[in-house]
PDB file of all heavy atoms in Angstrom:
ATOM      1  N   PHE A   1      11.369  -8.228   2.113  1.00  0.00           N
ATOM      2  CA  PHE A   1       9.954  -7.950   2.318  1.00  0.00           C
ATOM      3  C   PHE A   1       9.691  -7.707   3.794  1.00  0.00           C
ATOM      4  O   PHE A   1      10.276  -8.343   4.661  1.00  0.00           O
ATOM      5  CB  PHE A   1       9.086  -9.114   1.831  1.00  0.00           C
ATOM      6  CG  PHE A   1       8.964  -9.159   0.340  1.00  0.00           C
ATOM      7  CD1 PHE A   1       9.785  -9.971  -0.414  1.00  0.00           C
ATOM      8  CD2 PHE A   1       8.027  -8.372  -0.309  1.00  0.00           C
ATOM      9  CE1 PHE A   1       9.681 -10.002  -1.788  1.00  0.00           C
ATOM     10  CE2 PHE A   1       7.919  -8.397  -1.682  1.00  0.00           C
ATOM     11  CZ  PHE A   1       8.747  -9.209  -2.430  1.00  0.00           C
ATOM     12  N   SER A   2       8.805  -6.779   4.065  1.00  0.00           N
ATOM     13  CA  SER A   2       8.492  -6.408   5.435  1.00  0.00           C
ATOM     14  C   SER A   2       7.402  -7.306   6.008  1.00  0.00           C
ATOM     15  O   SER A   2       6.410  -7.591   5.351  1.00  0.00           O
ATOM     16  CB  SER A   2       8.004  -4.951   5.485  1.00  0.00           C
ATOM     17  OG  SER A   2       7.541  -4.643   6.781  1.00  0.00           O
ATOM     18  N   SER A   3       7.608  -7.726   7.234  1.00  0.00           N
ATOM     19  CA  SER A   3       6.550  -8.454   7.930  1.00  0.00           C
ATOM     20  C   SER A   3       5.805  -7.501   8.864  1.00  0.00           C
ATOM     21  O   SER A   3       4.904  -7.905   9.577  1.00  0.00           O
ATOM     22  CB  SER A   3       7.144  -9.631   8.709  1.00  0.00           C
ATOM     23  OG  SER A   3       8.068  -9.137   9.654  1.00  0.00           O
ATOM     24  N   GLN A   4       6.197  -6.231   8.850  1.00  0.00           N
ATOM     25  CA  GLN A   4       5.603  -5.239   9.733  1.00  0.00           C
ATOM     26  C   GLN A   4       4.330  -4.611   9.172  1.00  0.00           C
ATOM     27  O   GLN A   4       3.408  -4.305   9.909  1.00  0.00           O
ATOM     28  CB  GLN A   4       6.617  -4.131  10.040  1.00  0.00           C
ATOM     29  CG  GLN A   4       7.884  -4.619  10.683  1.00  0.00           C
ATOM     30  CD  GLN A   4       7.629  -5.270  12.021  1.00  0.00           C
ATOM     31  OE1 GLN A   4       6.916  -4.722  12.845  1.00  0.00           O
ATOM     32  NE2 GLN A   4       8.191  -6.439  12.239  1.00  0.00           N
ATOM     33  N   ARG A   5       4.289  -4.378   7.865  1.00  0.00           N
ATOM     34  CA  ARG A   5       3.164  -3.668   7.251  1.00  0.00           C
ATOM     35  C   ARG A   5       2.749  -4.338   5.950  1.00  0.00           C
ATOM     36  O   ARG A   5       3.586  -4.789   5.183  1.00  0.00           O
ATOM     37  CB  ARG A   5       3.543  -2.222   6.926  1.00  0.00           C
ATOM     38  CG  ARG A   5       3.876  -1.373   8.100  1.00  0.00           C
ATOM     39  CD  ARG A   5       2.639  -0.679   8.606  1.00  0.00           C
ATOM     40  NE  ARG A   5       2.988   0.269   9.645  1.00  0.00           N
ATOM     41  CZ  ARG A   5       2.481   0.223  10.856  1.00  0.00           C
ATOM     42  NH1 ARG A   5       1.631  -0.698  11.170  1.00  0.00           N
ATOM     43  NH2 ARG A   5       2.829   1.121  11.744  1.00  0.00           N
ATOM     44  N   SER A   6       1.454  -4.356   5.690  1.00  0.00           N
ATOM     45  CA  SER A   6       0.940  -4.825   4.404  1.00  0.00           C
ATOM     46  C   SER A   6       0.538  -3.603   3.585  1.00  0.00           C
ATOM     47  O   SER A   6       0.398  -2.492   4.108  1.00  0.00           O
ATOM     48  CB  SER A   6      -0.277  -5.726   4.625  1.00  0.00           C
ATOM     49  OG  SER A   6      -1.372  -4.969   5.105  1.00  0.00           O
ATOM     50  N   SER A   7       0.331  -3.809   2.300  1.00  0.00           N
ATOM     51  CA  SER A   7      -0.122  -2.702   1.452  1.00  0.00           C
ATOM     52  C   SER A   7      -1.464  -2.171   1.953  1.00  0.00           C
ATOM     53  O   SER A   7      -1.737  -0.977   1.877  1.00  0.00           O
ATOM     54  CB  SER A   7      -0.239  -3.152  -0.004  1.00  0.00           C
ATOM     55  OG  SER A   7      -1.141  -4.237  -0.120  1.00  0.00           O
ATOM     56  N   TYR A   8      -2.283  -3.052   2.485  1.00  0.00           N
ATOM     57  CA  TYR A   8      -3.592  -2.641   3.003  1.00  0.00           C
ATOM     58  C   TYR A   8      -3.432  -1.694   4.199  1.00  0.00           C
ATOM     59  O   TYR A   8      -4.111  -0.681   4.304  1.00  0.00           O
ATOM     60  CB  TYR A   8      -4.407  -3.876   3.385  1.00  0.00           C
ATOM     61  CG  TYR A   8      -5.829  -3.561   3.744  1.00  0.00           C
ATOM     62  CD1 TYR A   8      -6.760  -3.242   2.760  1.00  0.00           C
ATOM     63  CD2 TYR A   8      -6.245  -3.585   5.065  1.00  0.00           C
ATOM     64  CE1 TYR A   8      -8.074  -2.954   3.090  1.00  0.00           C
ATOM     65  CE2 TYR A   8      -7.557  -3.299   5.405  1.00  0.00           C
ATOM     66  CZ  TYR A   8      -8.463  -2.985   4.411  1.00  0.00           C
ATOM     67  OH  TYR A   8      -9.760  -2.693   4.745  1.00  0.00           O
ATOM     68  N   GLU A   9      -2.497  -2.010   5.074  1.00  0.00           N
ATOM     69  CA  GLU A   9      -2.238  -1.132   6.225  1.00  0.00           C
ATOM     70  C   GLU A   9      -1.647   0.202   5.764  1.00  0.00           C
ATOM     71  O   GLU A   9      -2.009   1.261   6.273  1.00  0.00           O
ATOM     72  CB  GLU A   9      -1.281  -1.813   7.194  1.00  0.00           C
ATOM     73  CG  GLU A   9      -1.881  -3.026   7.878  1.00  0.00           C
ATOM     74  CD  GLU A   9      -0.845  -3.862   8.595  1.00  0.00           C
ATOM     75  OE1 GLU A   9       0.180  -4.211   7.986  1.00  0.00           O
ATOM     76  OE2 GLU A   9      -1.079  -4.182   9.777  1.00  0.00           O
ATOM     77  N   ILE A  10      -0.750   0.142   4.784  1.00  0.00           N
ATOM     78  CA  ILE A  10      -0.112   1.358   4.277  1.00  0.00           C
ATOM     79  C   ILE A  10      -1.137   2.265   3.615  1.00  0.00           C
ATOM     80  O   ILE A  10      -1.107   3.484   3.783  1.00  0.00           O
ATOM     81  CB  ILE A  10       1.036   1.001   3.317  1.00  0.00           C
ATOM     82  CG1 ILE A  10       2.168   0.338   4.119  1.00  0.00           C
ATOM     83  CG2 ILE A  10       1.546   2.231   2.578  1.00  0.00           C
ATOM     84  CD1 ILE A  10       3.226  -0.311   3.265  1.00  0.00           C
ATOM     85  N   LYS A  11      -2.084   1.694   2.876  1.00  0.00           N
ATOM     86  CA  LYS A  11      -3.114   2.509   2.222  1.00  0.00           C
ATOM     87  C   LYS A  11      -3.942   3.267   3.261  1.00  0.00           C
ATOM     88  O   LYS A  11      -4.296   4.409   3.059  1.00  0.00           O
ATOM     89  CB  LYS A  11      -3.987   1.660   1.296  1.00  0.00           C
ATOM     90  CG  LYS A  11      -5.297   1.240   1.877  1.00  0.00           C
ATOM     91  CD  LYS A  11      -6.163   0.480   0.904  1.00  0.00           C
ATOM     92  CE  LYS A  11      -7.555   0.372   1.437  1.00  0.00           C
ATOM     93  NZ  LYS A  11      -8.374   1.544   1.304  1.00  0.00           N
ATOM     94  N   HIS A  12      -4.212   2.620   4.394  1.00  0.00           N
ATOM     95  CA  HIS A  12      -4.976   3.294   5.452  1.00  0.00           C
ATOM     96  C   HIS A  12      -4.165   4.416   6.096  1.00  0.00           C
ATOM     97  O   HIS A  12      -4.731   5.449   6.474  1.00  0.00           O
ATOM     98  CB  HIS A  12      -5.455   2.291   6.495  1.00  0.00           C
ATOM     99  CG  HIS A  12      -6.631   1.500   6.039  1.00  0.00           C
ATOM    100  ND1 HIS A  12      -7.881   2.042   5.852  1.00  0.00           N
ATOM    101  CD2 HIS A  12      -6.745   0.201   5.684  1.00  0.00           C
ATOM    102  CE1 HIS A  12      -8.716   1.123   5.436  1.00  0.00           C
ATOM    103  NE2 HIS A  12      -8.046  -0.020   5.308  1.00  0.00           N
ATOM    104  N   ILE A  13      -2.882   4.235   6.234  1.00  0.00           N
ATOM    105  CA  ILE A  13      -2.024   5.304   6.761  1.00  0.00           C
ATOM    106  C   ILE A  13      -2.083   6.497   5.812  1.00  0.00           C
ATOM    107  O   ILE A  13      -2.268   7.634   6.239  1.00  0.00           O
ATOM    108  CB  ILE A  13      -0.575   4.802   6.956  1.00  0.00           C
ATOM    109  CG1 ILE A  13      -0.535   3.745   8.069  1.00  0.00           C
ATOM    110  CG2 ILE A  13       0.355   5.974   7.270  1.00  0.00           C
ATOM    111  CD1 ILE A  13       0.776   2.987   8.155  1.00  0.00           C
ATOM    112  N   PHE A  14      -1.929   6.227   4.511  1.00  0.00           N
ATOM    113  CA  PHE A  14      -1.997   7.296   3.510  1.00  0.00           C
ATOM    114  C   PHE A  14      -3.339   8.029   3.577  1.00  0.00           C
ATOM    115  O   PHE A  14      -3.384   9.265   3.540  1.00  0.00           O
ATOM    116  CB  PHE A  14      -1.783   6.733   2.099  1.00  0.00           C
ATOM    117  CG  PHE A  14      -2.159   7.712   1.018  1.00  0.00           C
ATOM    118  CD1 PHE A  14      -1.341   8.796   0.734  1.00  0.00           C
ATOM    119  CD2 PHE A  14      -3.343   7.569   0.321  1.00  0.00           C
ATOM    120  CE1 PHE A  14      -1.708   9.727  -0.237  1.00  0.00           C
ATOM    121  CE2 PHE A  14      -3.706   8.482  -0.660  1.00  0.00           C
ATOM    122  CZ  PHE A  14      -2.885   9.568  -0.935  1.00  0.00           C
ATOM    123  N   GLU A  15      -4.424   7.299   3.688  1.00  0.00           N
ATOM    124  CA  GLU A  15      -5.760   7.908   3.683  1.00  0.00           C
ATOM    125  C   GLU A  15      -5.966   8.872   4.848  1.00  0.00           C
ATOM    126  O   GLU A  15      -6.775   9.793   4.755  1.00  0.00           O
ATOM    127  CB  GLU A  15      -6.832   6.815   3.706  1.00  0.00           C
ATOM    128  CG  GLU A  15      -6.923   6.045   2.415  1.00  0.00           C
ATOM    129  CD  GLU A  15      -7.800   4.809   2.489  1.00  0.00           C
ATOM    130  OE1 GLU A  15      -8.229   4.420   3.605  1.00  0.00           O
ATOM    131  OE2 GLU A  15      -8.054   4.213   1.434  1.00  0.00           O
ATOM    132  N   ARG A  16      -5.220   8.676   5.927  1.00  0.00           N
ATOM    133  CA  ARG A  16      -5.357   9.542   7.109  1.00  0.00           C
ATOM    134  C   ARG A  16      -4.421  10.745   7.091  1.00  0.00           C
ATOM    135  O   ARG A  16      -4.424  11.549   8.020  1.00  0.00           O
ATOM    136  CB  ARG A  16      -5.147   8.722   8.380  1.00  0.00           C
ATOM    137  CG  ARG A  16      -6.253   7.720   8.647  1.00  0.00           C
ATOM    138  CD  ARG A  16      -6.121   7.068  10.012  1.00  0.00           C
ATOM    139  NE  ARG A  16      -4.886   6.327  10.182  1.00  0.00           N
ATOM    140  CZ  ARG A  16      -4.729   5.018   9.959  1.00  0.00           C
ATOM    141  NH1 ARG A  16      -5.738   4.307   9.545  1.00  0.00           N
ATOM    142  NH2 ARG A  16      -3.566   4.439  10.166  1.00  0.00           N
ATOM    143  N   THR A  17      -3.613  10.890   6.040  1.00  0.00           N
ATOM    144  CA  THR A  17      -2.707  12.033   5.950  1.00  0.00           C
ATOM    145  C   THR A  17      -3.463  13.260   5.460  1.00  0.00           C
ATOM    146  O   THR A  17      -4.551  13.131   4.893  1.00  0.00           O
ATOM    147  CB  THR A  17      -1.526  11.738   5.000  1.00  0.00           C
ATOM    148  OG1 THR A  17      -2.031  11.543   3.679  1.00  0.00           O
ATOM    149  CG2 THR A  17      -0.746  10.520   5.459  1.00  0.00           C
ATOM    150  N   PRO A  18      -2.915  14.452   5.657  1.00  0.00           N
ATOM    151  CA  PRO A  18      -3.623  15.672   5.238  1.00  0.00           C
ATOM    152  C   PRO A  18      -4.011  15.703   3.754  1.00  0.00           C
ATOM    153  O   PRO A  18      -5.084  16.184   3.415  1.00  0.00           O
ATOM    154  CB  PRO A  18      -2.628  16.791   5.561  1.00  0.00           C
ATOM    155  CG  PRO A  18      -1.823  16.252   6.691  1.00  0.00           C
ATOM    156  CD  PRO A  18      -1.697  14.777   6.413  1.00  0.00           C
ATOM    157  N   LEU A  19      -3.181  15.185   2.873  1.00  0.00           N
ATOM    158  CA  LEU A  19      -3.509  15.164   1.445  1.00  0.00           C
ATOM    159  C   LEU A  19      -4.064  13.817   0.998  1.00  0.00           C
ATOM    160  O   LEU A  19      -4.308  13.602  -0.187  1.00  0.00           O
ATOM    161  CB  LEU A  19      -2.271  15.512   0.603  1.00  0.00           C
ATOM    162  CG  LEU A  19      -1.749  16.928   0.762  1.00  0.00           C
ATOM    163  CD1 LEU A  19      -0.480  17.120  -0.065  1.00  0.00           C
ATOM    164  CD2 LEU A  19      -2.799  17.947   0.365  1.00  0.00           C
ATOM    165  N   GLY A  20      -4.259  12.915   1.946  1.00  0.00           N
ATOM    166  CA  GLY A  20      -4.719  11.573   1.625  1.00  0.00           C
ATOM    167  C   GLY A  20      -6.162  11.543   1.140  1.00  0.00           C
ATOM    168  O   GLY A  20      -6.939  12.469   1.364  1.00  0.00           O
ATOM    169  N   PHE A  21      -6.507  10.463   0.480  1.00  0.00           N
ATOM    170  CA  PHE A  21      -7.855  10.234  -0.033  1.00  0.00           C
ATOM    171  C   PHE A  21      -8.043   8.727  -0.122  1.00  0.00           C
ATOM    172  O   PHE A  21      -7.079   7.960  -0.026  1.00  0.00           O
ATOM    173  CB  PHE A  21      -8.047  10.895  -1.407  1.00  0.00           C
ATOM    174  CG  PHE A  21      -6.965  10.574  -2.395  1.00  0.00           C
ATOM    175  CD1 PHE A  21      -7.037   9.454  -3.209  1.00  0.00           C
ATOM    176  CD2 PHE A  21      -5.838  11.385  -2.485  1.00  0.00           C
ATOM    177  CE1 PHE A  21      -6.031   9.148  -4.099  1.00  0.00           C
ATOM    178  CE2 PHE A  21      -4.816  11.080  -3.382  1.00  0.00           C
ATOM    179  CZ  PHE A  21      -4.916   9.954  -4.192  1.00  0.00           C
ATOM    180  N   TYR A  22      -9.282   8.300  -0.307  1.00  0.00           N
ATOM    181  CA  TYR A  22      -9.572   6.871  -0.374  1.00  0.00           C
ATOM    182  C   TYR A  22      -8.944   6.257  -1.622  1.00  0.00           C
ATOM    183  O   TYR A  22      -9.083   6.785  -2.727  1.00  0.00           O
ATOM    184  CB  TYR A  22     -11.081   6.624  -0.397  1.00  0.00           C
ATOM    185  CG  TYR A  22     -11.419   5.168  -0.543  1.00  0.00           C
ATOM    186  CD1 TYR A  22     -11.364   4.314   0.561  1.00  0.00           C
ATOM    187  CD2 TYR A  22     -11.750   4.633  -1.779  1.00  0.00           C
ATOM    188  CE1 TYR A  22     -11.649   2.967   0.433  1.00  0.00           C
ATOM    189  CE2 TYR A  22     -12.034   3.281  -1.918  1.00  0.00           C
ATOM    190  CZ  TYR A  22     -11.983   2.457  -0.813  1.00  0.00           C
ATOM    191  OH  TYR A  22     -12.259   1.122  -0.945  1.00  0.00           O
ATOM    192  N   VAL A  23      -8.228   5.154  -1.448  1.00  0.00           N
ATOM    193  CA  VAL A  23      -7.695   4.394  -2.577  1.00  0.00           C
ATOM    194  C   VAL A  23      -7.941   2.910  -2.326  1.00  0.00           C
ATOM    195  O   VAL A  23      -7.965   2.462  -1.179  1.00  0.00           O
ATOM    196  CB  VAL A  23      -6.178   4.612  -2.806  1.00  0.00           C
ATOM    197  CG1 VAL A  23      -5.876   6.009  -3.261  1.00  0.00           C
ATOM    198  CG2 VAL A  23      -5.362   4.256  -1.589  1.00  0.00           C
ATOM    199  N   LEU A  24      -8.137   2.184  -3.400  1.00  0.00           N
ATOM    200  CA  LEU A  24      -8.225   0.738  -3.289  1.00  0.00           C
ATOM    201  C   LEU A  24      -6.826   0.177  -3.063  1.00  0.00           C
ATOM    202  O   LEU A  24      -5.823   0.785  -3.445  1.00  0.00           O
ATOM    203  CB  LEU A  24      -8.831   0.143  -4.556  1.00  0.00           C
ATOM    204  CG  LEU A  24     -10.301   0.496  -4.797  1.00  0.00           C
ATOM    205  CD1 LEU A  24     -10.743   0.042  -6.182  1.00  0.00           C
ATOM    206  CD2 LEU A  24     -11.174  -0.142  -3.725  1.00  0.00           C
ATOM    207  N   ASN A  25      -6.754  -0.992  -2.451  1.00  0.00           N
ATOM    208  CA  ASN A  25      -5.469  -1.605  -2.166  1.00  0.00           C
ATOM    209  C   ASN A  25      -4.648  -1.793  -3.442  1.00  0.00           C
ATOM    210  O   ASN A  25      -3.436  -1.582  -3.450  1.00  0.00           O
ATOM    211  CB  ASN A  25      -5.682  -2.941  -1.457  1.00  0.00           C
ATOM    212  CG  ASN A  25      -4.408  -3.494  -0.884  1.00  0.00           C
ATOM    213  OD1 ASN A  25      -3.633  -2.770  -0.279  1.00  0.00           O
ATOM    214  ND2 ASN A  25      -4.178  -4.774  -1.084  1.00  0.00           N
ATOM    215  N   GLY A  26      -5.294  -2.172  -4.533  1.00  0.00           N
ATOM    216  CA  GLY A  26      -4.584  -2.354  -5.792  1.00  0.00           C
ATOM    217  C   GLY A  26      -3.936  -1.073  -6.284  1.00  0.00           C
ATOM    218  O   GLY A  26      -2.822  -1.085  -6.817  1.00  0.00           O
ATOM    219  N   ALA A  27      -4.616   0.061  -6.123  1.00  0.00           N
ATOM    220  CA  ALA A  27      -4.046   1.352  -6.530  1.00  0.00           C
ATOM    221  C   ALA A  27      -2.806   1.676  -5.706  1.00  0.00           C
ATOM    222  O   ALA A  27      -1.818   2.195  -6.239  1.00  0.00           O
ATOM    223  CB  ALA A  27      -5.082   2.463  -6.409  1.00  0.00           C
ATOM    224  N   MET A  28      -2.832   1.347  -4.415  1.00  0.00           N
ATOM    225  CA  MET A  28      -1.640   1.549  -3.576  1.00  0.00           C
ATOM    226  C   MET A  28      -0.514   0.655  -4.061  1.00  0.00           C
ATOM    227  O   MET A  28       0.641   1.086  -4.165  1.00  0.00           O
ATOM    228  CB  MET A  28      -1.956   1.260  -2.101  1.00  0.00           C
ATOM    229  CG  MET A  28      -0.748   1.365  -1.180  1.00  0.00           C
ATOM    230  SD  MET A  28       0.112   2.970  -1.210  1.00  0.00           S
ATOM    231  CE  MET A  28      -0.994   3.954  -0.216  1.00  0.00           C
ATOM    232  N   LYS A  29      -0.820  -0.593  -4.394  1.00  0.00           N
ATOM    233  CA  LYS A  29       0.202  -1.502  -4.917  1.00  0.00           C
ATOM    234  C   LYS A  29       0.796  -0.945  -6.204  1.00  0.00           C
ATOM    235  O   LYS A  29       2.005  -1.002  -6.418  1.00  0.00           O
ATOM    236  CB  LYS A  29      -0.382  -2.883  -5.188  1.00  0.00           C
ATOM    237  CG  LYS A  29      -0.691  -3.676  -3.952  1.00  0.00           C
ATOM    238  CD  LYS A  29      -1.250  -5.024  -4.368  1.00  0.00           C
ATOM    239  CE  LYS A  29      -1.537  -5.895  -3.183  1.00  0.00           C
ATOM    240  NZ  LYS A  29      -1.986  -7.232  -3.606  1.00  0.00           N
ATOM    241  N   GLY A  30      -0.054  -0.394  -7.065  1.00  0.00           N
ATOM    242  CA  GLY A  30       0.431   0.188  -8.311  1.00  0.00           C
ATOM    243  C   GLY A  30       1.363   1.353  -8.061  1.00  0.00           C
ATOM    244  O   GLY A  30       2.417   1.474  -8.699  1.00  0.00           O
ATOM    245  N   ALA A  31       1.001   2.226  -7.135  1.00  0.00           N
ATOM    246  CA  ALA A  31       1.859   3.374  -6.801  1.00  0.00           C
ATOM    247  C   ALA A  31       3.200   2.896  -6.257  1.00  0.00           C
ATOM    248  O   ALA A  31       4.254   3.458  -6.571  1.00  0.00           O
ATOM    249  CB  ALA A  31       1.160   4.272  -5.783  1.00  0.00           C
ATOM    250  N   MET A  32       3.161   1.856  -5.452  1.00  0.00           N
ATOM    251  CA  MET A  32       4.404   1.347  -4.880  1.00  0.00           C
ATOM    252  C   MET A  32       5.275   0.684  -5.949  1.00  0.00           C
ATOM    253  O   MET A  32       6.493   0.824  -5.924  1.00  0.00           O
ATOM    254  CB  MET A  32       4.091   0.403  -3.722  1.00  0.00           C
ATOM    255  CG  MET A  32       3.457   1.160  -2.558  1.00  0.00           C
ATOM    256  SD  MET A  32       3.084   0.125  -1.153  1.00  0.00           S
ATOM    257  CE  MET A  32       4.722   0.000  -0.441  1.00  0.00           C
ATOM    258  N   LEU A  33       4.660  -0.006  -6.905  1.00  0.00           N
ATOM    259  CA  LEU A  33       5.429  -0.578  -8.021  1.00  0.00           C
ATOM    260  C   LEU A  33       6.108   0.524  -8.817  1.00  0.00           C
ATOM    261  O   LEU A  33       7.288   0.433  -9.153  1.00  0.00           O
ATOM    262  CB  LEU A  33       4.519  -1.390  -8.938  1.00  0.00           C
ATOM    263  CG  LEU A  33       4.185  -2.805  -8.486  1.00  0.00           C
ATOM    264  CD1 LEU A  33       3.071  -3.385  -9.344  1.00  0.00           C
ATOM    265  CD2 LEU A  33       5.414  -3.689  -8.547  1.00  0.00           C
ATOM    266  N   ILE A  34       5.359   1.569  -9.119  1.00  0.00           N
ATOM    267  CA  ILE A  34       5.913   2.691  -9.877  1.00  0.00           C
ATOM    268  C   ILE A  34       7.059   3.347  -9.105  1.00  0.00           C
ATOM    269  O   ILE A  34       8.056   3.764  -9.682  1.00  0.00           O
ATOM    270  CB  ILE A  34       4.810   3.695 -10.242  1.00  0.00           C
ATOM    271  CG1 ILE A  34       3.964   3.090 -11.364  1.00  0.00           C
ATOM    272  CG2 ILE A  34       5.372   5.056 -10.631  1.00  0.00           C
ATOM    273  CD1 ILE A  34       2.753   3.868 -11.747  1.00  0.00           C
ATOM    274  N   ALA A  35       6.933   3.386  -7.787  1.00  0.00           N
ATOM    275  CA  ALA A  35       7.976   3.992  -6.954  1.00  0.00           C
ATOM    276  C   ALA A  35       9.188   3.073  -6.764  1.00  0.00           C
ATOM    277  O   ALA A  35      10.163   3.475  -6.143  1.00  0.00           O
ATOM    278  CB  ALA A  35       7.398   4.385  -5.593  1.00  0.00           C
ATOM    279  N   GLY A  36       9.115   1.852  -7.285  1.00  0.00           N
ATOM    280  CA  GLY A  36      10.270   0.977  -7.225  1.00  0.00           C
ATOM    281  C   GLY A  36      10.197  -0.161  -6.228  1.00  0.00           C
ATOM    282  O   GLY A  36      11.167  -0.893  -6.049  1.00  0.00           O
ATOM    283  N   TYR A  37       9.088  -0.335  -5.563  1.00  0.00           N
ATOM    284  CA  TYR A  37       8.929  -1.427  -4.610  1.00  0.00           C
ATOM    285  C   TYR A  37       8.459  -2.682  -5.332  1.00  0.00           C
ATOM    286  O   TYR A  37       7.841  -2.605  -6.384  1.00  0.00           O
ATOM    287  CB  TYR A  37       7.919  -1.053  -3.521  1.00  0.00           C
ATOM    288  CG  TYR A  37       8.419   0.035  -2.615  1.00  0.00           C
ATOM    289  CD1 TYR A  37       8.262   1.376  -2.953  1.00  0.00           C
ATOM    290  CD2 TYR A  37       9.063  -0.275  -1.433  1.00  0.00           C
ATOM    291  CE1 TYR A  37       8.743   2.382  -2.131  1.00  0.00           C
ATOM    292  CE2 TYR A  37       9.541   0.726  -0.598  1.00  0.00           C
ATOM    293  CZ  TYR A  37       9.379   2.046  -0.957  1.00  0.00           C
ATOM    294  OH  TYR A  37       9.855   3.023  -0.148  1.00  0.00           O
ATOM    295  N   GLN A  38       8.754  -3.834  -4.739  1.00  0.00           N
ATOM    296  CA  GLN A  38       8.295  -5.112  -5.268  1.00  0.00           C
ATOM    297  C   GLN A  38       7.087  -5.564  -4.453  1.00  0.00           C
ATOM    298  O   GLN A  38       7.043  -5.346  -3.242  1.00  0.00           O
ATOM    299  CB  GLN A  38       9.402  -6.166  -5.164  1.00  0.00           C
ATOM    300  CG  GLN A  38      10.642  -5.808  -5.943  1.00  0.00           C
ATOM    301  CD  GLN A  38      10.364  -5.762  -7.434  1.00  0.00           C
ATOM    302  OE1 GLN A  38       9.735  -6.654  -7.981  1.00  0.00           O
ATOM    303  NE2 GLN A  38      10.812  -4.698  -8.084  1.00  0.00           N
ATOM    304  N   ILE A  39       6.132  -6.207  -5.124  1.00  0.00           N
ATOM    305  CA  ILE A  39       4.987  -6.719  -4.369  1.00  0.00           C
ATOM    306  C   ILE A  39       5.077  -8.223  -4.255  1.00  0.00           C
ATOM    307  O   ILE A  39       5.694  -8.895  -5.070  1.00  0.00           O
ATOM    308  CB  ILE A  39       3.633  -6.300  -4.984  1.00  0.00           C
ATOM    309  CG1 ILE A  39       3.422  -6.938  -6.343  1.00  0.00           C
ATOM    310  CG2 ILE A  39       3.508  -4.797  -5.043  1.00  0.00           C
ATOM    311  CD1 ILE A  39       2.011  -6.774  -6.857  1.00  0.00           C
ATOM    312  N   ARG A  40       4.455  -8.709  -3.219  1.00  0.00           N
ATOM    313  CA  ARG A  40       4.388 -10.141  -2.964  1.00  0.00           C
ATOM    314  C   ARG A  40       2.958 -10.415  -2.541  1.00  0.00           C
ATOM    315  O   ARG A  40       2.547 -10.008  -1.461  1.00  0.00           O
ATOM    316  CB  ARG A  40       5.381 -10.506  -1.866  1.00  0.00           C
ATOM    317  CG  ARG A  40       5.341 -11.960  -1.482  1.00  0.00           C
ATOM    318  CD  ARG A  40       6.425 -12.289  -0.504  1.00  0.00           C
ATOM    319  NE  ARG A  40       6.184 -11.643   0.791  1.00  0.00           N
ATOM    320  CZ  ARG A  40       6.959 -11.789   1.841  1.00  0.00           C
ATOM    321  NH1 ARG A  40       8.042 -12.530   1.761  1.00  0.00           N
ATOM    322  NH2 ARG A  40       6.681 -11.194   2.976  1.00  0.00           N
ATOM    323  N   ASN A  41       2.208 -11.091  -3.397  1.00  0.00           N
ATOM    324  CA  ASN A  41       0.810 -11.385  -3.077  1.00  0.00           C
ATOM    325  C   ASN A  41       0.719 -12.599  -2.177  1.00  0.00           C
ATOM    326  O   ASN A  41       1.039 -13.703  -2.563  1.00  0.00           O
ATOM    327  CB  ASN A  41       0.006 -11.628  -4.342  1.00  0.00           C
ATOM    328  CG  ASN A  41      -0.496 -10.364  -4.952  1.00  0.00           C
ATOM    329  OD1 ASN A  41      -0.757  -9.402  -4.248  1.00  0.00           O
ATOM    330  ND2 ASN A  41      -0.613 -10.322  -6.258  1.00  0.00           N
ATOM    331  N   GLU A  42       0.285 -12.345  -0.993  1.00  0.00           N
ATOM    332  CA  GLU A  42      -0.008 -13.378  -0.032  1.00  0.00           C
ATOM    333  C   GLU A  42      -1.305 -12.998   0.637  1.00  0.00           C
ATOM    334  O   GLU A  42      -1.923 -11.994   0.287  1.00  0.00           O
ATOM    335  CB  GLU A  42       1.107 -13.515   1.010  1.00  0.00           C
ATOM    336  CG  GLU A  42       2.382 -14.084   0.421  1.00  0.00           C
ATOM    337  CD  GLU A  42       3.439 -14.322   1.483  1.00  0.00           C
ATOM    338  OE1 GLU A  42       3.216 -13.918   2.653  1.00  0.00           O
ATOM    339  OE2 GLU A  42       4.468 -14.894   1.154  1.00  0.00           O
ATOM    340  N   LYS A  43      -1.706 -13.738   1.620  1.00  0.00           N
ATOM    341  CA  LYS A  43      -2.972 -13.454   2.277  1.00  0.00           C
ATOM    342  C   LYS A  43      -3.048 -12.022   2.789  1.00  0.00           C
ATOM    343  O   LYS A  43      -4.074 -11.386   2.728  1.00  0.00           O
ATOM    344  CB  LYS A  43      -3.201 -14.423   3.437  1.00  0.00           C
ATOM    345  CG  LYS A  43      -3.556 -15.807   2.977  1.00  0.00           C
ATOM    346  CD  LYS A  43      -3.844 -16.711   4.146  1.00  0.00           C
ATOM    347  CE  LYS A  43      -4.153 -18.096   3.638  1.00  0.00           C
ATOM    348  NZ  LYS A  43      -4.381 -19.031   4.709  1.00  0.00           N
ATOM    349  N   ARG A  44      -1.934 -11.468   3.277  1.00  0.00           N
ATOM    350  CA  ARG A  44      -1.942 -10.119   3.828  1.00  0.00           C
ATOM    351  C   ARG A  44      -1.411  -9.094   2.829  1.00  0.00           C
ATOM    352  O   ARG A  44      -1.175  -7.962   3.182  1.00  0.00           O
ATOM    353  CB  ARG A  44      -1.132 -10.063   5.108  1.00  0.00           C
ATOM    354  CG  ARG A  44      -1.789 -10.903   6.196  1.00  0.00           C
ATOM    355  CD  ARG A  44      -1.171 -10.658   7.525  1.00  0.00           C
ATOM    356  NE  ARG A  44      -1.339  -9.262   7.884  1.00  0.00           N
ATOM    357  CZ  ARG A  44      -0.580  -8.622   8.728  1.00  0.00           C
ATOM    358  NH1 ARG A  44       0.417  -9.208   9.306  1.00  0.00           N
ATOM    359  NH2 ARG A  44      -0.802  -7.352   9.010  1.00  0.00           N
ATOM    360  N   ASN A  45      -1.170  -9.491   1.564  1.00  0.00           N
ATOM    361  CA  ASN A  45      -0.735  -8.567   0.515  1.00  0.00           C
ATOM    362  C   ASN A  45       0.525  -7.797   0.900  1.00  0.00           C
ATOM    363  O   ASN A  45       0.575  -6.579   0.808  1.00  0.00           O
ATOM    364  CB  ASN A  45      -1.850  -7.591   0.165  1.00  0.00           C
ATOM    365  CG  ASN A  45      -3.087  -8.306  -0.252  1.00  0.00           C
ATOM    366  OD1 ASN A  45      -3.030  -9.212  -1.077  1.00  0.00           O
ATOM    367  ND2 ASN A  45      -4.202  -7.934   0.312  1.00  0.00           N
TER     368      ASN A  45
END
């Protein structure tokens, strides 16, 4: 698990990309699960 970035920070990076759009943190977590990442729910998600 990364201590560098949270799903919340990653969602904001995505939103600022040319094809990015607003997503809720949970939707980003879902996309990452589908892509093969594991989630760990803690205070910083």
